[in-house]
Amino acid sequence: MTKTAIKSVAEEVDPGEVEGTDLRVLKYPHPSLREVNAEITEEELKSGEIKKIAKEMFLVMYATQGVGLAAPQVGINKRLMVYNPTGDKTKWLDEVIMVNPKIVEFSDAKDVEQEGCLSFPGMGGDVERSKWIKVEAQKLNGKKMKKKFKGWEARIFQHEYDHLEGVVYIDRLSDEGKEQVKETLDELIEAFGDSGKL
């Protein structure tokens, strides 16, 4: 997810190769963005593999000037997300890693804000989300956690959680919003086809 909901912050960028990782942000309509994402096992957590992936996901996220990233966006179809609501890599204490997260309760009250997505460069649109959510997840050490998020953090979580469900933010745009991004979306689809990555 990009920082579009915070005014006067830089747009996301495509950093190309990121030092310290081979991971890259996949652009729509890459099939990984719609795949089923597997639950992460206890063995995977114990092996240190997921910790390594999460660390590299943060490298990519910061390089793109984003605030959140889900594993399928870098071609790893597992239920893992990382985010930092500040988007500032020097504020590493704000970094959050969620393993196998799920939303167990959400508010009926909603709000609408502009969202962008690292997999949809140069696009944005108004998306309705619940104002607060209650979440259950695991930490990297496998321990279970429960937390309530509200406001900006709730929005980031819901955006990244959608990716784990194979949902992308354009699915949540109004008809008018879809019309506004249609041209850019068509260009992304055409570029993907031309790249021979189908």
N, C-alpha and C. Protein backbone atom coordinates (compact mmCIF):
# COMPACT_ATOMS: atom_id res chain seq x y z
N MET A 1 0.85 -1.19 0.00
CA MET A 1 0.00 0.00 0.00
C MET A 1 0.88 1.23 0.00
N THR A 2 0.40 2.26 -0.65
CA THR A 2 1.17 3.49 -0.72
C THR A 2 0.69 4.50 0.31
N LYS A 3 1.40 5.59 0.39
CA LYS A 3 1.10 6.59 1.42
C LYS A 3 0.08 7.63 0.96
N THR A 4 -0.75 7.32 -0.03
CA THR A 4 -1.63 8.34 -0.59
C THR A 4 -2.61 8.91 0.43
N ALA A 5 -2.89 8.15 1.46
CA ALA A 5 -3.83 8.67 2.47
C ALA A 5 -3.17 9.73 3.37
N ILE A 6 -1.86 9.87 3.26
CA ILE A 6 -1.18 10.94 3.99
C ILE A 6 -0.82 12.02 2.99
N LYS A 7 -1.30 13.21 3.21
CA LYS A 7 -1.05 14.28 2.25
C LYS A 7 0.43 14.69 2.24
N SER A 8 0.86 15.19 1.12
CA SER A 8 2.19 15.76 0.91
C SER A 8 3.34 14.77 1.14
N VAL A 9 3.07 13.48 0.92
CA VAL A 9 4.14 12.49 1.00
C VAL A 9 4.40 11.99 -0.41
N ALA A 10 5.63 11.63 -0.68
CA ALA A 10 6.02 11.22 -2.03
C ALA A 10 5.20 10.03 -2.52
N GLU A 11 4.95 10.01 -3.83
CA GLU A 11 4.28 8.87 -4.47
C GLU A 11 5.20 7.65 -4.41
N GLU A 12 4.61 6.47 -4.58
CA GLU A 12 5.44 5.27 -4.61
C GLU A 12 6.34 5.31 -5.84
N VAL A 13 7.44 4.62 -5.76
CA VAL A 13 8.36 4.55 -6.88
C VAL A 13 8.67 3.09 -7.20
N ASP A 14 9.06 2.82 -8.44
CA ASP A 14 9.50 1.48 -8.81
C ASP A 14 11.01 1.48 -8.71
N PRO A 15 11.55 0.85 -7.67
CA PRO A 15 12.99 0.93 -7.44
C PRO A 15 13.81 -0.02 -8.32
N GLY A 16 13.11 -0.87 -9.10
CA GLY A 16 13.86 -1.88 -9.87
C GLY A 16 14.49 -2.87 -8.91
N GLU A 17 15.79 -3.13 -9.09
CA GLU A 17 16.49 -4.05 -8.19
C GLU A 17 16.71 -3.38 -6.84
N VAL A 18 16.46 -4.12 -5.77
CA VAL A 18 16.64 -3.60 -4.42
C VAL A 18 17.82 -4.34 -3.79
N GLU A 19 18.75 -3.58 -3.26
CA GLU A 19 19.94 -4.19 -2.64
C GLU A 19 19.53 -5.06 -1.45
N GLY A 20 20.09 -6.28 -1.41
CA GLY A 20 19.82 -7.17 -0.28
C GLY A 20 18.71 -8.16 -0.51
N THR A 21 18.07 -8.11 -1.71
CA THR A 21 16.99 -9.06 -1.99
C THR A 21 16.79 -9.23 -3.49
N ASP A 22 16.28 -10.40 -3.86
CA ASP A 22 15.88 -10.63 -5.25
C ASP A 22 14.39 -10.39 -5.44
N LEU A 23 13.69 -10.08 -4.35
CA LEU A 23 12.24 -9.86 -4.45
C LEU A 23 11.94 -8.57 -5.22
N ARG A 24 10.85 -8.60 -5.99
CA ARG A 24 10.39 -7.44 -6.74
C ARG A 24 8.88 -7.32 -6.57
N VAL A 25 8.39 -6.11 -6.61
CA VAL A 25 6.93 -5.93 -6.56
C VAL A 25 6.34 -6.34 -7.91
N LEU A 26 5.40 -7.27 -7.86
CA LEU A 26 4.72 -7.71 -9.08
C LEU A 26 3.62 -6.72 -9.43
N LYS A 27 3.50 -6.45 -10.70
CA LYS A 27 2.47 -5.52 -11.14
C LYS A 27 1.27 -6.28 -11.69
N TYR A 28 0.10 -5.73 -11.46
CA TYR A 28 -1.13 -6.28 -12.02
C TYR A 28 -0.97 -6.35 -13.53
N PRO A 29 -1.47 -7.42 -14.18
CA PRO A 29 -2.31 -8.53 -13.69
C PRO A 29 -1.52 -9.81 -13.42
N HIS A 30 -0.36 -9.74 -12.79
CA HIS A 30 0.42 -10.94 -12.51
C HIS A 30 -0.45 -11.97 -11.76
N PRO A 31 -0.44 -13.24 -12.20
CA PRO A 31 -1.31 -14.26 -11.59
C PRO A 31 -1.15 -14.42 -10.08
N SER A 32 0.07 -14.18 -9.55
CA SER A 32 0.30 -14.34 -8.10
C SER A 32 -0.63 -13.45 -7.27
N LEU A 33 -1.08 -12.34 -7.84
CA LEU A 33 -1.94 -11.41 -7.10
C LEU A 33 -3.34 -11.97 -6.88
N ARG A 34 -3.70 -13.02 -7.63
CA ARG A 34 -5.03 -13.63 -7.50
C ARG A 34 -4.98 -15.06 -6.97
N GLU A 35 -3.78 -15.55 -6.70
CA GLU A 35 -3.62 -16.94 -6.24
C GLU A 35 -4.16 -17.14 -4.83
N VAL A 36 -4.42 -18.40 -4.49
CA VAL A 36 -4.75 -18.78 -3.11
C VAL A 36 -3.43 -18.72 -2.33
N ASN A 37 -3.47 -18.15 -1.13
CA ASN A 37 -2.26 -18.01 -0.32
C ASN A 37 -2.29 -18.99 0.85
N ALA A 38 -1.23 -19.77 0.95
CA ALA A 38 -1.16 -20.87 1.92
C ALA A 38 -0.87 -20.37 3.33
N GLU A 39 -1.47 -21.07 4.29
CA GLU A 39 -1.13 -20.82 5.70
C GLU A 39 0.34 -21.17 5.92
N ILE A 40 0.99 -20.39 6.75
CA ILE A 40 2.40 -20.63 7.07
C ILE A 40 2.46 -21.65 8.21
N THR A 41 3.31 -22.64 8.05
CA THR A 41 3.38 -23.74 9.02
C THR A 41 4.36 -23.41 10.15
N GLU A 42 4.22 -24.17 11.21
CA GLU A 42 5.13 -24.04 12.35
C GLU A 42 6.57 -24.34 11.93
N GLU A 43 6.73 -25.33 11.04
CA GLU A 43 8.06 -25.70 10.55
C GLU A 43 8.71 -24.53 9.81
N GLU A 44 7.92 -23.85 8.98
CA GLU A 44 8.44 -22.70 8.22
C GLU A 44 8.90 -21.59 9.17
N LEU A 45 8.11 -21.36 10.23
CA LEU A 45 8.49 -20.33 11.19
C LEU A 45 9.77 -20.71 11.92
N LYS A 46 9.87 -21.98 12.33
CA LYS A 46 11.06 -22.43 13.07
C LYS A 46 12.31 -22.41 12.21
N SER A 47 12.16 -22.61 10.92
CA SER A 47 13.32 -22.68 10.02
C SER A 47 13.98 -21.32 9.81
N GLY A 48 13.26 -20.25 10.13
CA GLY A 48 13.81 -18.91 9.91
C GLY A 48 13.53 -18.37 8.52
N GLU A 49 12.91 -19.21 7.66
CA GLU A 49 12.62 -18.81 6.28
C GLU A 49 11.69 -17.60 6.23
N ILE A 50 10.65 -17.62 7.07
CA ILE A 50 9.65 -16.54 7.03
C ILE A 50 10.25 -15.23 7.55
N LYS A 51 11.11 -15.34 8.55
CA LYS A 51 11.79 -14.14 9.08
C LYS A 51 12.63 -13.48 7.98
N LYS A 52 13.33 -14.30 7.21
CA LYS A 52 14.17 -13.80 6.11
C LYS A 52 13.29 -13.12 5.05
N ILE A 53 12.18 -13.76 4.70
CA ILE A 53 11.28 -13.19 3.69
C ILE A 53 10.73 -11.85 4.18
N ALA A 54 10.31 -11.81 5.46
CA ALA A 54 9.74 -10.56 6.02
C ALA A 54 10.77 -9.43 5.98
N LYS A 55 12.01 -9.75 6.33
CA LYS A 55 13.08 -8.75 6.32
C LYS A 55 13.26 -8.18 4.91
N GLU A 56 13.26 -9.07 3.92
CA GLU A 56 13.44 -8.63 2.54
C GLU A 56 12.22 -7.87 2.04
N MET A 57 11.04 -8.24 2.50
CA MET A 57 9.82 -7.51 2.12
C MET A 57 9.89 -6.06 2.62
N PHE A 58 10.42 -5.86 3.83
CA PHE A 58 10.60 -4.49 4.33
C PHE A 58 11.56 -3.71 3.43
N LEU A 59 12.65 -4.34 2.99
CA LEU A 59 13.60 -3.67 2.09
C LEU A 59 12.88 -3.16 0.85
N VAL A 60 12.06 -4.03 0.27
CA VAL A 60 11.32 -3.67 -0.95
C VAL A 60 10.30 -2.58 -0.65
N MET A 61 9.57 -2.74 0.44
CA MET A 61 8.54 -1.76 0.80
C MET A 61 9.13 -0.36 0.97
N TYR A 62 10.22 -0.26 1.71
CA TYR A 62 10.84 1.05 1.92
C TYR A 62 11.40 1.62 0.61
N ALA A 63 11.95 0.74 -0.23
CA ALA A 63 12.52 1.20 -1.51
C ALA A 63 11.44 1.78 -2.42
N THR A 64 10.20 1.28 -2.27
CA THR A 64 9.10 1.77 -3.09
C THR A 64 8.38 2.96 -2.44
N GLN A 65 8.84 3.34 -1.26
CA GLN A 65 8.20 4.40 -0.47
C GLN A 65 6.77 4.04 -0.10
N GLY A 66 6.55 2.74 0.19
CA GLY A 66 5.24 2.28 0.61
C GLY A 66 5.16 2.16 2.12
N VAL A 67 3.97 1.80 2.60
CA VAL A 67 3.77 1.60 4.05
C VAL A 67 3.38 0.16 4.38
N GLY A 68 3.08 -0.63 3.36
CA GLY A 68 2.69 -2.01 3.61
C GLY A 68 2.94 -2.88 2.39
N LEU A 69 3.13 -4.17 2.62
CA LEU A 69 3.38 -5.11 1.53
C LEU A 69 2.92 -6.49 1.96
N ALA A 70 2.23 -7.18 1.07
CA ALA A 70 1.79 -8.55 1.33
C ALA A 70 2.63 -9.50 0.48
N ALA A 71 2.88 -10.70 1.01
CA ALA A 71 3.76 -11.66 0.34
C ALA A 71 3.38 -11.94 -1.12
N PRO A 72 2.08 -12.08 -1.46
CA PRO A 72 1.77 -12.35 -2.87
C PRO A 72 2.23 -11.24 -3.82
N GLN A 73 2.41 -10.03 -3.30
CA GLN A 73 2.86 -8.92 -4.15
C GLN A 73 4.31 -9.09 -4.59
N VAL A 74 5.04 -9.96 -3.91
CA VAL A 74 6.42 -10.25 -4.32
C VAL A 74 6.53 -11.71 -4.79
N GLY A 75 5.40 -12.30 -5.16
CA GLY A 75 5.39 -13.63 -5.75
C GLY A 75 5.48 -14.78 -4.78
N ILE A 76 5.24 -14.50 -3.49
CA ILE A 76 5.26 -15.56 -2.48
C ILE A 76 3.83 -15.75 -1.99
N ASN A 77 3.21 -16.85 -2.39
CA ASN A 77 1.79 -17.03 -2.08
C ASN A 77 1.59 -17.70 -0.72
N LYS A 78 1.96 -16.92 0.30
CA LYS A 78 1.80 -17.33 1.70
C LYS A 78 1.11 -16.20 2.45
N ARG A 79 0.50 -16.56 3.59
CA ARG A 79 -0.28 -15.59 4.36
C ARG A 79 0.64 -14.81 5.31
N LEU A 80 1.32 -13.85 4.72
CA LEU A 80 2.29 -13.04 5.43
C LEU A 80 2.17 -11.60 4.95
N MET A 81 2.19 -10.66 5.90
CA MET A 81 2.19 -9.24 5.54
C MET A 81 3.14 -8.49 6.45
N VAL A 82 3.69 -7.40 5.91
CA VAL A 82 4.51 -6.49 6.71
C VAL A 82 4.01 -5.08 6.48
N TYR A 83 4.15 -4.24 7.49
CA TYR A 83 3.84 -2.83 7.28
C TYR A 83 4.49 -1.98 8.36
N ASN A 84 4.57 -0.71 8.07
CA ASN A 84 5.03 0.31 9.01
C ASN A 84 4.20 1.54 8.72
N PRO A 85 3.27 1.89 9.64
CA PRO A 85 2.34 2.99 9.37
C PRO A 85 3.03 4.32 9.07
N THR A 86 4.28 4.46 9.52
CA THR A 86 4.99 5.72 9.27
C THR A 86 5.66 5.72 7.90
N GLY A 87 5.93 4.51 7.37
CA GLY A 87 6.66 4.42 6.11
C GLY A 87 8.11 4.85 6.23
N ASP A 88 8.59 5.02 7.46
CA ASP A 88 9.93 5.54 7.72
C ASP A 88 10.82 4.42 8.25
N LYS A 89 11.84 4.03 7.47
CA LYS A 89 12.68 2.89 7.88
C LYS A 89 13.51 3.18 9.13
N THR A 90 13.67 4.45 9.49
CA THR A 90 14.40 4.75 10.72
C THR A 90 13.53 4.50 11.95
N LYS A 91 12.21 4.37 11.72
CA LYS A 91 11.28 4.09 12.83
C LYS A 91 10.94 2.60 12.83
N TRP A 92 12.00 1.79 12.99
CA TRP A 92 11.81 0.35 12.89
C TRP A 92 11.00 -0.23 14.03
N LEU A 93 10.85 0.50 15.11
CA LEU A 93 10.01 0.00 16.22
C LEU A 93 8.53 -0.04 15.83
N ASP A 94 8.17 0.68 14.76
CA ASP A 94 6.78 0.69 14.28
C ASP A 94 6.51 -0.43 13.28
N GLU A 95 7.54 -1.22 12.96
CA GLU A 95 7.36 -2.29 11.98
C GLU A 95 6.48 -3.41 12.55
N VAL A 96 5.59 -3.90 11.71
CA VAL A 96 4.67 -4.98 12.11
C VAL A 96 4.79 -6.12 11.10
N ILE A 97 4.93 -7.33 11.61
CA ILE A 97 4.93 -8.54 10.78
C ILE A 97 3.77 -9.41 11.26
N MET A 98 2.90 -9.79 10.33
CA MET A 98 1.74 -10.61 10.68
C MET A 98 1.78 -11.92 9.90
N VAL A 99 1.72 -13.01 10.62
CA VAL A 99 1.70 -14.35 10.04
C VAL A 99 0.30 -14.93 10.20
N ASN A 100 -0.24 -15.44 9.10
CA ASN A 100 -1.59 -16.05 9.10
C ASN A 100 -2.65 -15.15 9.77
N PRO A 101 -2.70 -13.87 9.41
CA PRO A 101 -3.67 -12.99 10.07
C PRO A 101 -5.10 -13.24 9.60
N LYS A 102 -6.03 -12.92 10.47
CA LYS A 102 -7.44 -12.93 10.05
C LYS A 102 -8.20 -11.85 10.81
N ILE A 103 -9.20 -11.31 10.15
CA ILE A 103 -10.07 -10.31 10.79
C ILE A 103 -11.21 -11.07 11.46
N VAL A 104 -11.36 -10.88 12.76
CA VAL A 104 -12.40 -11.60 13.50
C VAL A 104 -13.61 -10.71 13.80
N GLU A 105 -13.42 -9.41 13.71
CA GLU A 105 -14.54 -8.48 13.93
C GLU A 105 -14.21 -7.16 13.24
N PHE A 106 -15.23 -6.52 12.70
CA PHE A 106 -14.99 -5.21 12.10
C PHE A 106 -16.19 -4.30 12.34
N SER A 107 -15.93 -3.01 12.31
CA SER A 107 -16.98 -2.05 12.63
C SER A 107 -17.95 -1.90 11.46
N ASP A 108 -19.22 -1.63 11.80
CA ASP A 108 -20.19 -1.29 10.75
C ASP A 108 -19.88 0.10 10.21
N ALA A 109 -19.34 0.95 11.09
CA ALA A 109 -18.98 2.31 10.66
C ALA A 109 -17.83 2.25 9.67
N LYS A 110 -17.98 2.97 8.58
CA LYS A 110 -16.97 2.96 7.52
C LYS A 110 -16.48 4.38 7.25
N ASP A 111 -15.34 4.45 6.59
CA ASP A 111 -14.92 5.73 6.04
C ASP A 111 -14.29 5.48 4.67
N VAL A 112 -14.19 6.53 3.90
CA VAL A 112 -13.68 6.43 2.53
C VAL A 112 -12.43 7.30 2.44
N GLU A 113 -11.36 6.70 1.95
CA GLU A 113 -10.12 7.45 1.73
C GLU A 113 -9.48 7.00 0.44
N GLN A 114 -8.62 7.84 -0.08
CA GLN A 114 -7.86 7.54 -1.29
C GLN A 114 -6.79 6.48 -0.94
N GLU A 115 -6.72 5.46 -1.78
CA GLU A 115 -5.70 4.43 -1.62
C GLU A 115 -4.95 4.23 -2.92
N GLY A 116 -3.70 3.84 -2.78
CA GLY A 116 -2.91 3.41 -3.91
C GLY A 116 -2.31 2.07 -3.57
N CYS A 117 -1.67 1.44 -4.56
CA CYS A 117 -1.12 0.11 -4.33
C CYS A 117 0.16 -0.03 -5.13
N LEU A 118 1.18 -0.63 -4.51
CA LEU A 118 2.47 -0.78 -5.16
C LEU A 118 2.37 -1.65 -6.42
N SER A 119 1.37 -2.53 -6.49
CA SER A 119 1.18 -3.38 -7.68
C SER A 119 0.41 -2.67 -8.79
N PHE A 120 -0.05 -1.46 -8.50
CA PHE A 120 -0.80 -0.66 -9.48
C PHE A 120 -0.17 0.73 -9.57
N PRO A 121 1.04 0.83 -10.11
CA PRO A 121 1.73 2.12 -10.11
C PRO A 121 0.97 3.19 -10.88
N GLY A 122 1.03 4.41 -10.36
CA GLY A 122 0.42 5.54 -11.05
C GLY A 122 -1.09 5.59 -10.94
N MET A 123 -1.67 4.81 -10.02
CA MET A 123 -3.12 4.77 -9.88
C MET A 123 -3.51 5.03 -8.43
N GLY A 124 -4.75 5.44 -8.24
CA GLY A 124 -5.31 5.62 -6.90
C GLY A 124 -6.81 5.70 -7.01
N GLY A 125 -7.49 5.58 -5.88
CA GLY A 125 -8.95 5.69 -5.91
C GLY A 125 -9.51 5.64 -4.51
N ASP A 126 -10.76 6.09 -4.38
CA ASP A 126 -11.45 6.10 -3.09
C ASP A 126 -11.93 4.70 -2.74
N VAL A 127 -11.55 4.24 -1.55
CA VAL A 127 -11.91 2.90 -1.09
C VAL A 127 -12.59 3.00 0.27
N GLU A 128 -13.73 2.32 0.40
CA GLU A 128 -14.46 2.29 1.68
C GLU A 128 -13.92 1.13 2.52
N ARG A 129 -13.60 1.44 3.78
CA ARG A 129 -13.10 0.43 4.72
C ARG A 129 -13.78 0.62 6.07
N SER A 130 -13.77 -0.46 6.87
CA SER A 130 -14.25 -0.35 8.25
C SER A 130 -13.33 0.56 9.05
N LYS A 131 -13.91 1.34 9.96
CA LYS A 131 -13.11 2.28 10.76
C LYS A 131 -12.23 1.56 11.76
N TRP A 132 -12.70 0.41 12.27
CA TRP A 132 -11.86 -0.38 13.17
C TRP A 132 -12.07 -1.86 12.90
N ILE A 133 -11.07 -2.64 13.27
CA ILE A 133 -11.12 -4.09 13.08
C ILE A 133 -10.45 -4.77 14.27
N LYS A 134 -10.84 -6.00 14.54
CA LYS A 134 -10.14 -6.83 15.51
C LYS A 134 -9.49 -7.99 14.74
N VAL A 135 -8.24 -8.22 15.06
CA VAL A 135 -7.42 -9.14 14.28
C VAL A 135 -6.80 -10.21 15.17
N GLU A 136 -6.68 -11.41 14.64
CA GLU A 136 -5.89 -12.47 15.26
C GLU A 136 -4.80 -12.86 14.27
N ALA A 137 -3.60 -13.10 14.78
CA ALA A 137 -2.48 -13.48 13.91
C ALA A 137 -1.43 -14.18 14.74
N GLN A 138 -0.36 -14.57 14.09
CA GLN A 138 0.81 -15.12 14.78
C GLN A 138 1.99 -14.17 14.57
N LYS A 139 2.89 -14.20 15.55
CA LYS A 139 4.16 -13.48 15.40
C LYS A 139 5.16 -14.43 14.75
N LEU A 140 6.35 -13.92 14.46
CA LEU A 140 7.39 -14.76 13.85
C LEU A 140 7.79 -15.95 14.73
N ASN A 141 7.63 -15.77 16.07
CA ASN A 141 7.97 -16.88 16.98
C ASN A 141 6.83 -17.88 17.13
N GLY A 142 5.75 -17.65 16.37
CA GLY A 142 4.61 -18.57 16.39
C GLY A 142 3.55 -18.24 17.43
N LYS A 143 3.86 -17.32 18.35
CA LYS A 143 2.88 -16.95 19.39
C LYS A 143 1.69 -16.24 18.77
N LYS A 144 0.51 -16.56 19.33
CA LYS A 144 -0.71 -15.93 18.83
C LYS A 144 -0.88 -14.54 19.43
N MET A 145 -1.47 -13.66 18.64
CA MET A 145 -1.74 -12.31 19.13
C MET A 145 -3.13 -11.88 18.70
N LYS A 146 -3.70 -10.99 19.50
CA LYS A 146 -5.00 -10.38 19.17
C LYS A 146 -4.83 -8.89 19.32
N LYS A 147 -5.39 -8.13 18.41
CA LYS A 147 -5.23 -6.68 18.48
C LYS A 147 -6.39 -5.99 17.79
N LYS A 148 -6.69 -4.80 18.29
CA LYS A 148 -7.69 -3.95 17.63
C LYS A 148 -6.96 -2.80 16.95
N PHE A 149 -7.30 -2.59 15.68
CA PHE A 149 -6.72 -1.48 14.94
C PHE A 149 -7.81 -0.49 14.57
N LYS A 150 -7.43 0.78 14.54
CA LYS A 150 -8.39 1.76 14.07
C LYS A 150 -7.68 2.79 13.21
N GLY A 151 -8.48 3.56 12.46
CA GLY A 151 -7.92 4.63 11.66
C GLY A 151 -6.98 4.14 10.56
N TRP A 152 -5.85 4.84 10.43
CA TRP A 152 -4.89 4.60 9.37
C TRP A 152 -4.34 3.18 9.41
N GLU A 153 -4.02 2.67 10.63
CA GLU A 153 -3.46 1.33 10.74
C GLU A 153 -4.50 0.27 10.33
N ALA A 154 -5.76 0.51 10.68
CA ALA A 154 -6.84 -0.41 10.27
C ALA A 154 -6.94 -0.44 8.75
N ARG A 155 -6.79 0.70 8.12
CA ARG A 155 -6.87 0.79 6.66
C ARG A 155 -5.71 0.03 6.01
N ILE A 156 -4.49 0.24 6.51
CA ILE A 156 -3.34 -0.46 5.96
C ILE A 156 -3.55 -1.97 6.08
N PHE A 157 -3.95 -2.41 7.29
CA PHE A 157 -4.13 -3.84 7.51
C PHE A 157 -5.16 -4.41 6.52
N GLN A 158 -6.30 -3.73 6.39
CA GLN A 158 -7.36 -4.24 5.51
C GLN A 158 -6.88 -4.31 4.05
N HIS A 159 -6.10 -3.34 3.64
CA HIS A 159 -5.56 -3.33 2.27
C HIS A 159 -4.66 -4.55 2.06
N GLU A 160 -3.73 -4.78 2.99
CA GLU A 160 -2.80 -5.91 2.85
C GLU A 160 -3.51 -7.25 3.03
N TYR A 161 -4.50 -7.27 3.93
CA TYR A 161 -5.27 -8.50 4.15
C TYR A 161 -6.02 -8.90 2.87
N ASP A 162 -6.55 -7.89 2.17
CA ASP A 162 -7.21 -8.18 0.89
C ASP A 162 -6.28 -8.95 -0.04
N HIS A 163 -5.01 -8.54 -0.10
CA HIS A 163 -4.05 -9.24 -0.96
C HIS A 163 -3.95 -10.71 -0.59
N LEU A 164 -4.02 -11.02 0.71
CA LEU A 164 -3.94 -12.41 1.15
C LEU A 164 -5.18 -13.20 0.76
N GLU A 165 -6.26 -12.47 0.46
CA GLU A 165 -7.51 -13.11 0.04
C GLU A 165 -7.66 -13.10 -1.48
N GLY A 166 -6.61 -12.64 -2.19
CA GLY A 166 -6.68 -12.57 -3.65
C GLY A 166 -7.51 -11.40 -4.15
N VAL A 167 -7.75 -10.43 -3.28
CA VAL A 167 -8.53 -9.24 -3.63
C VAL A 167 -7.56 -8.07 -3.80
N VAL A 168 -7.78 -7.26 -4.83
CA VAL A 168 -6.94 -6.08 -5.03
C VAL A 168 -7.82 -4.83 -4.92
N TYR A 169 -7.18 -3.71 -4.65
CA TYR A 169 -7.96 -2.53 -4.28
C TYR A 169 -8.91 -2.06 -5.38
N ILE A 170 -8.58 -2.33 -6.66
CA ILE A 170 -9.49 -1.89 -7.72
C ILE A 170 -10.83 -2.63 -7.64
N ASP A 171 -10.84 -3.82 -7.00
CA ASP A 171 -12.11 -4.56 -6.82
C ASP A 171 -13.08 -3.77 -5.95
N ARG A 172 -12.55 -2.87 -5.13
CA ARG A 172 -13.37 -2.13 -4.17
C ARG A 172 -13.71 -0.72 -4.64
N LEU A 173 -13.28 -0.36 -5.84
CA LEU A 173 -13.60 0.98 -6.36
C LEU A 173 -15.05 1.03 -6.83
N SER A 174 -15.63 2.22 -6.76
CA SER A 174 -16.97 2.44 -7.31
C SER A 174 -16.87 2.34 -8.83
N ASP A 175 -18.02 2.26 -9.50
CA ASP A 175 -18.02 2.21 -10.97
C ASP A 175 -17.31 3.44 -11.53
N GLU A 176 -17.56 4.58 -10.90
CA GLU A 176 -16.92 5.82 -11.34
C GLU A 176 -15.40 5.74 -11.14
N GLY A 177 -15.00 5.21 -9.98
CA GLY A 177 -13.58 5.04 -9.68
C GLY A 177 -12.90 4.11 -10.66
N LYS A 178 -13.60 3.02 -11.04
CA LYS A 178 -13.05 2.06 -12.00
C LYS A 178 -12.86 2.72 -13.36
N GLU A 179 -13.81 3.56 -13.71
CA GLU A 179 -13.74 4.28 -14.98
C GLU A 179 -12.53 5.21 -15.01
N GLN A 180 -12.24 5.84 -13.86
CA GLN A 180 -11.13 6.80 -13.78
C GLN A 180 -9.76 6.12 -13.95
N VAL A 181 -9.65 4.87 -13.54
CA VAL A 181 -8.35 4.18 -13.65
C VAL A 181 -8.26 3.25 -14.85
N LYS A 182 -9.35 3.17 -15.62
CA LYS A 182 -9.41 2.20 -16.72
C LYS A 182 -8.25 2.33 -17.70
N GLU A 183 -7.91 3.54 -18.09
CA GLU A 183 -6.86 3.75 -19.08
C GLU A 183 -5.50 3.25 -18.56
N THR A 184 -5.18 3.62 -17.31
CA THR A 184 -3.92 3.19 -16.70
C THR A 184 -3.90 1.67 -16.52
N LEU A 185 -5.05 1.12 -16.13
CA LEU A 185 -5.17 -0.33 -15.94
C LEU A 185 -4.95 -1.06 -17.26
N ASP A 186 -5.56 -0.54 -18.32
CA ASP A 186 -5.38 -1.16 -19.65
C ASP A 186 -3.90 -1.15 -20.05
N GLU A 187 -3.20 -0.05 -19.71
CA GLU A 187 -1.76 0.05 -20.04
C GLU A 187 -0.96 -1.00 -19.26
N LEU A 188 -1.32 -1.20 -17.98
CA LEU A 188 -0.64 -2.22 -17.17
C LEU A 188 -0.84 -3.61 -17.76
N ILE A 189 -2.08 -3.91 -18.16
CA ILE A 189 -2.41 -5.22 -18.72
C ILE A 189 -1.65 -5.43 -20.03
N GLU A 190 -1.61 -4.38 -20.85
CA GLU A 190 -0.90 -4.46 -22.13
C GLU A 190 0.61 -4.67 -21.90
N ALA A 191 1.18 -3.91 -20.97
CA ALA A 191 2.61 -4.03 -20.66
C ALA A 191 2.94 -5.42 -20.15
N PHE A 192 2.05 -5.98 -19.35
CA PHE A 192 2.28 -7.33 -18.80
C PHE A 192 2.29 -8.34 -19.93
N GLY A 193 1.33 -8.22 -20.85
CA GLY A 193 1.25 -9.13 -22.01
C GLY A 193 2.49 -9.01 -22.87
N ASP A 194 2.96 -7.78 -23.08
CA ASP A 194 4.14 -7.54 -23.92
C ASP A 194 5.42 -8.09 -23.28
N SER A 195 5.42 -8.20 -21.95
CA SER A 195 6.64 -8.65 -21.26
C SER A 195 6.82 -10.16 -21.38
N GLY A 196 5.79 -10.84 -21.89
CA GLY A 196 5.89 -12.28 -22.07
C GLY A 196 5.83 -13.07 -20.78
N LYS A 197 5.26 -12.45 -19.71
CA LYS A 197 5.23 -13.12 -18.40
C LYS A 197 3.88 -13.80 -18.15
N LEU A 198 3.12 -14.05 -19.17
CA LEU A 198 1.80 -14.66 -18.96
C LEU A 198 1.92 -16.12 -18.59
